[in-house]
N, C-alpha and C. Protein backbone atom coordinates (compact mmCIF):
# COMPACT_ATOMS: atom_id res chain seq x y z
N UNK A 1 -17.97 -8.33 4.80
CA UNK A 1 -16.52 -7.82 5.10
C UNK A 1 -15.89 -8.28 6.31
N UNK A 2 -14.89 -8.93 6.23
CA UNK A 2 -14.06 -9.25 7.49
C UNK A 2 -13.38 -8.12 8.10
N UNK A 3 -13.27 -8.01 9.43
CA UNK A 3 -12.50 -6.91 10.09
C UNK A 3 -11.17 -6.53 9.35
N UNK A 4 -10.36 -7.46 8.83
CA UNK A 4 -9.23 -7.34 8.39
C UNK A 4 -9.24 -6.61 7.06
N UNK A 5 -10.43 -6.50 6.26
CA UNK A 5 -10.58 -6.02 5.10
C UNK A 5 -10.65 -4.57 5.01
N UNK A 6 -10.96 -4.20 6.13
CA UNK A 6 -10.87 -2.53 6.19
C UNK A 6 -12.19 -2.06 5.78
N UNK A 7 -12.41 -0.82 5.85
CA UNK A 7 -13.60 -0.08 5.17
C UNK A 7 -13.09 0.84 4.17
N UNK A 8 -13.55 0.51 2.94
CA UNK A 8 -13.10 1.39 1.78
C UNK A 8 -13.85 2.65 1.97
N UNK A 9 -12.98 3.64 1.57
CA UNK A 9 -13.31 5.21 1.60
C UNK A 9 -14.68 5.41 0.96
N UNK A 10 -14.94 4.77 -0.13
CA UNK A 10 -16.19 5.13 -0.84
C UNK A 10 -17.43 4.77 -0.02
N UNK A 11 -17.13 3.74 0.90
CA UNK A 11 -18.37 3.36 1.79
C UNK A 11 -18.44 4.44 2.85
N UNK A 12 -17.43 4.99 3.39
CA UNK A 12 -17.43 6.12 4.26
C UNK A 12 -18.10 7.26 3.81
N UNK A 13 -17.90 7.62 2.52
CA UNK A 13 -18.41 8.96 1.82
C UNK A 13 -19.87 8.73 1.58
N UNK A 14 -20.44 7.61 1.58
CA UNK A 14 -21.80 7.23 1.26
C UNK A 14 -22.61 7.33 2.43
N UNK A 15 -22.04 7.41 3.74
CA UNK A 15 -22.96 7.27 4.93
C UNK A 15 -23.58 8.69 5.04
N UNK A 16 -24.90 8.71 5.46
CA UNK A 16 -25.64 9.97 5.56
C UNK A 16 -24.95 10.57 6.90
N UNK A 17 -25.11 12.10 6.94
CA UNK A 17 -24.53 12.68 8.00
C UNK A 17 -25.19 12.32 9.32
N UNK A 18 -24.49 12.11 10.43
CA UNK A 18 -24.93 11.77 11.88
C UNK A 18 -24.99 10.25 11.89
N UNK A 19 -24.71 9.54 10.95
CA UNK A 19 -24.78 7.98 10.94
C UNK A 19 -23.47 7.69 11.69
N UNK A 20 -23.41 6.39 12.10
CA UNK A 20 -22.13 5.81 12.64
C UNK A 20 -21.61 4.79 11.62
N UNK A 21 -20.28 4.77 11.52
CA UNK A 21 -19.65 3.71 10.65
C UNK A 21 -18.62 3.04 11.47
N UNK A 22 -18.37 1.79 11.11
CA UNK A 22 -17.30 0.99 11.83
C UNK A 22 -16.17 1.04 10.91
N UNK A 23 -14.88 1.22 11.35
CA UNK A 23 -13.75 1.32 10.71
C UNK A 23 -12.90 0.32 11.27
N UNK A 24 -12.24 -0.64 10.59
CA UNK A 24 -11.29 -1.59 10.76
C UNK A 24 -9.93 -0.87 10.99
N UNK A 25 -9.21 -1.03 12.04
CA UNK A 25 -7.84 -0.42 12.17
C UNK A 25 -6.81 -1.49 12.54
N UNK A 26 -5.79 -1.55 11.81
CA UNK A 26 -4.48 -2.35 12.15
C UNK A 26 -3.60 -1.62 12.76
N UNK A 27 -3.15 -1.94 13.94
CA UNK A 27 -2.06 -1.07 14.43
C UNK A 27 -0.86 -2.25 15.09
N UNK A 28 0.23 -1.80 15.17
CA UNK A 28 1.35 -2.47 15.79
C UNK A 28 0.99 -2.90 17.19
N UNK A 29 1.09 -4.00 17.51
CA UNK A 29 0.86 -4.54 19.02
C UNK A 29 1.39 -3.55 20.00
N UNK A 30 2.48 -2.96 19.97
CA UNK A 30 2.93 -2.04 20.89
C UNK A 30 2.10 -0.95 21.10
N UNK A 31 1.51 -0.34 19.90
CA UNK A 31 0.53 0.90 19.98
C UNK A 31 -0.67 0.23 20.74
N UNK A 32 -1.12 -0.86 20.32
CA UNK A 32 -2.40 -1.26 20.80
C UNK A 32 -2.41 -1.45 22.43
N UNK A 33 -1.23 -1.96 22.86
CA UNK A 33 -0.92 -2.21 24.22
C UNK A 33 -0.84 -0.90 25.08
N UNK A 34 -0.19 0.11 24.31
CA UNK A 34 -0.19 1.58 24.98
C UNK A 34 -1.41 2.27 25.07
N UNK A 35 -2.38 1.77 24.00
CA UNK A 35 -3.65 2.45 23.99
C UNK A 35 -4.49 1.79 25.23
N UNK A 36 -4.32 0.49 25.38
CA UNK A 36 -5.06 -0.19 26.45
C UNK A 36 -4.61 0.26 27.80
N UNK A 37 -3.29 0.59 28.09
CA UNK A 37 -2.79 1.03 29.29
C UNK A 37 -3.45 2.35 29.47
N UNK A 38 -3.29 3.29 28.54
CA UNK A 38 -3.74 4.61 28.61
C UNK A 38 -5.13 4.64 28.97
N UNK A 39 -6.10 3.77 28.20
CA UNK A 39 -7.49 3.58 28.56
C UNK A 39 -7.70 3.41 30.08
N UNK A 40 -6.97 2.36 30.62
CA UNK A 40 -7.13 1.91 32.06
C UNK A 40 -6.71 3.23 32.95
N UNK A 41 -5.80 3.93 32.57
CA UNK A 41 -5.29 5.24 33.54
C UNK A 41 -6.37 6.15 33.44
N UNK A 42 -6.88 6.46 32.23
CA UNK A 42 -7.90 7.58 32.15
C UNK A 42 -9.35 7.04 32.26
N UNK A 43 -9.46 5.85 32.65
CA UNK A 43 -10.80 5.19 32.91
C UNK A 43 -11.93 5.53 31.71
N UNK A 44 -11.26 5.41 30.31
CA UNK A 44 -12.02 5.30 29.28
C UNK A 44 -11.74 4.05 28.51
N UNK A 45 -12.63 3.88 27.35
CA UNK A 45 -12.59 2.56 26.62
C UNK A 45 -11.42 3.29 25.45
N UNK A 46 -10.87 2.17 24.98
CA UNK A 46 -9.99 2.57 23.69
C UNK A 46 -10.66 3.29 22.69
N UNK A 47 -11.85 2.87 22.50
CA UNK A 47 -12.82 3.62 21.44
C UNK A 47 -13.03 4.98 21.78
N UNK A 48 -13.22 5.29 22.99
CA UNK A 48 -13.38 6.75 23.39
C UNK A 48 -12.11 7.45 23.26
N UNK A 49 -10.95 6.85 23.69
CA UNK A 49 -9.67 7.46 23.37
C UNK A 49 -9.35 7.98 21.93
N UNK A 50 -9.65 6.93 21.08
CA UNK A 50 -9.43 7.14 19.79
C UNK A 50 -10.35 8.22 18.95
N UNK A 51 -11.80 8.20 19.50
CA UNK A 51 -12.60 9.25 18.90
C UNK A 51 -12.21 10.55 19.43
N UNK A 52 -11.72 10.62 20.58
CA UNK A 52 -11.05 11.84 21.13
C UNK A 52 -9.94 12.41 20.42
N UNK A 53 -9.05 11.62 20.07
CA UNK A 53 -7.76 11.92 19.38
C UNK A 53 -8.17 12.27 17.93
N UNK A 54 -9.10 11.57 17.27
CA UNK A 54 -9.53 11.71 15.94
C UNK A 54 -10.35 13.19 15.87
N UNK A 55 -11.01 13.35 16.87
CA UNK A 55 -11.86 14.61 17.08
C UNK A 55 -10.96 15.90 17.10
N UNK A 56 -9.83 15.57 18.09
CA UNK A 56 -8.98 16.79 18.17
C UNK A 56 -8.17 16.90 16.93
N UNK A 57 -7.70 15.96 16.20
CA UNK A 57 -7.01 16.36 15.02
C UNK A 57 -7.77 16.88 13.82
N UNK A 58 -9.02 16.45 13.85
CA UNK A 58 -9.85 17.20 12.84
C UNK A 58 -10.32 18.60 13.18
N UNK A 59 -10.40 19.05 14.38
CA UNK A 59 -10.56 20.39 14.84
C UNK A 59 -9.18 21.15 14.54
N UNK A 60 -8.08 20.53 14.98
CA UNK A 60 -6.86 21.24 14.74
C UNK A 60 -6.69 21.53 13.27
N UNK A 61 -6.98 20.47 12.37
CA UNK A 61 -6.88 20.67 10.96
C UNK A 61 -7.83 21.83 10.50
N UNK A 62 -8.94 21.69 10.91
CA UNK A 62 -9.88 22.67 10.38
C UNK A 62 -9.33 24.01 10.65
N UNK A 63 -8.61 24.32 11.86
CA UNK A 63 -8.34 25.64 12.26
C UNK A 63 -6.88 25.91 11.76
N UNK A 64 -6.21 25.08 11.11
CA UNK A 64 -4.83 25.33 10.45
C UNK A 64 -4.90 26.08 9.46
N UNK A 65 -3.73 26.87 9.00
CA UNK A 65 -3.73 27.67 7.95
C UNK A 65 -3.43 26.68 6.70
N UNK A 66 -4.06 26.90 5.57
CA UNK A 66 -3.87 25.95 4.33
C UNK A 66 -2.49 25.97 3.66
């Protein structure tokens, strides 16, 4: 699978708990530039920033009222 093909949802759901999966992500160039600048300011990789943002969104969603 090439990076531009993405990762089908069915592949994500078949991963055992605790495993790591790679997800291809297409972003507007301006977002990628902004993430890169933010990563430099915070001295984190773009991957670390994205994982932190995703984690925060998942925790917030878990605690939100249905």
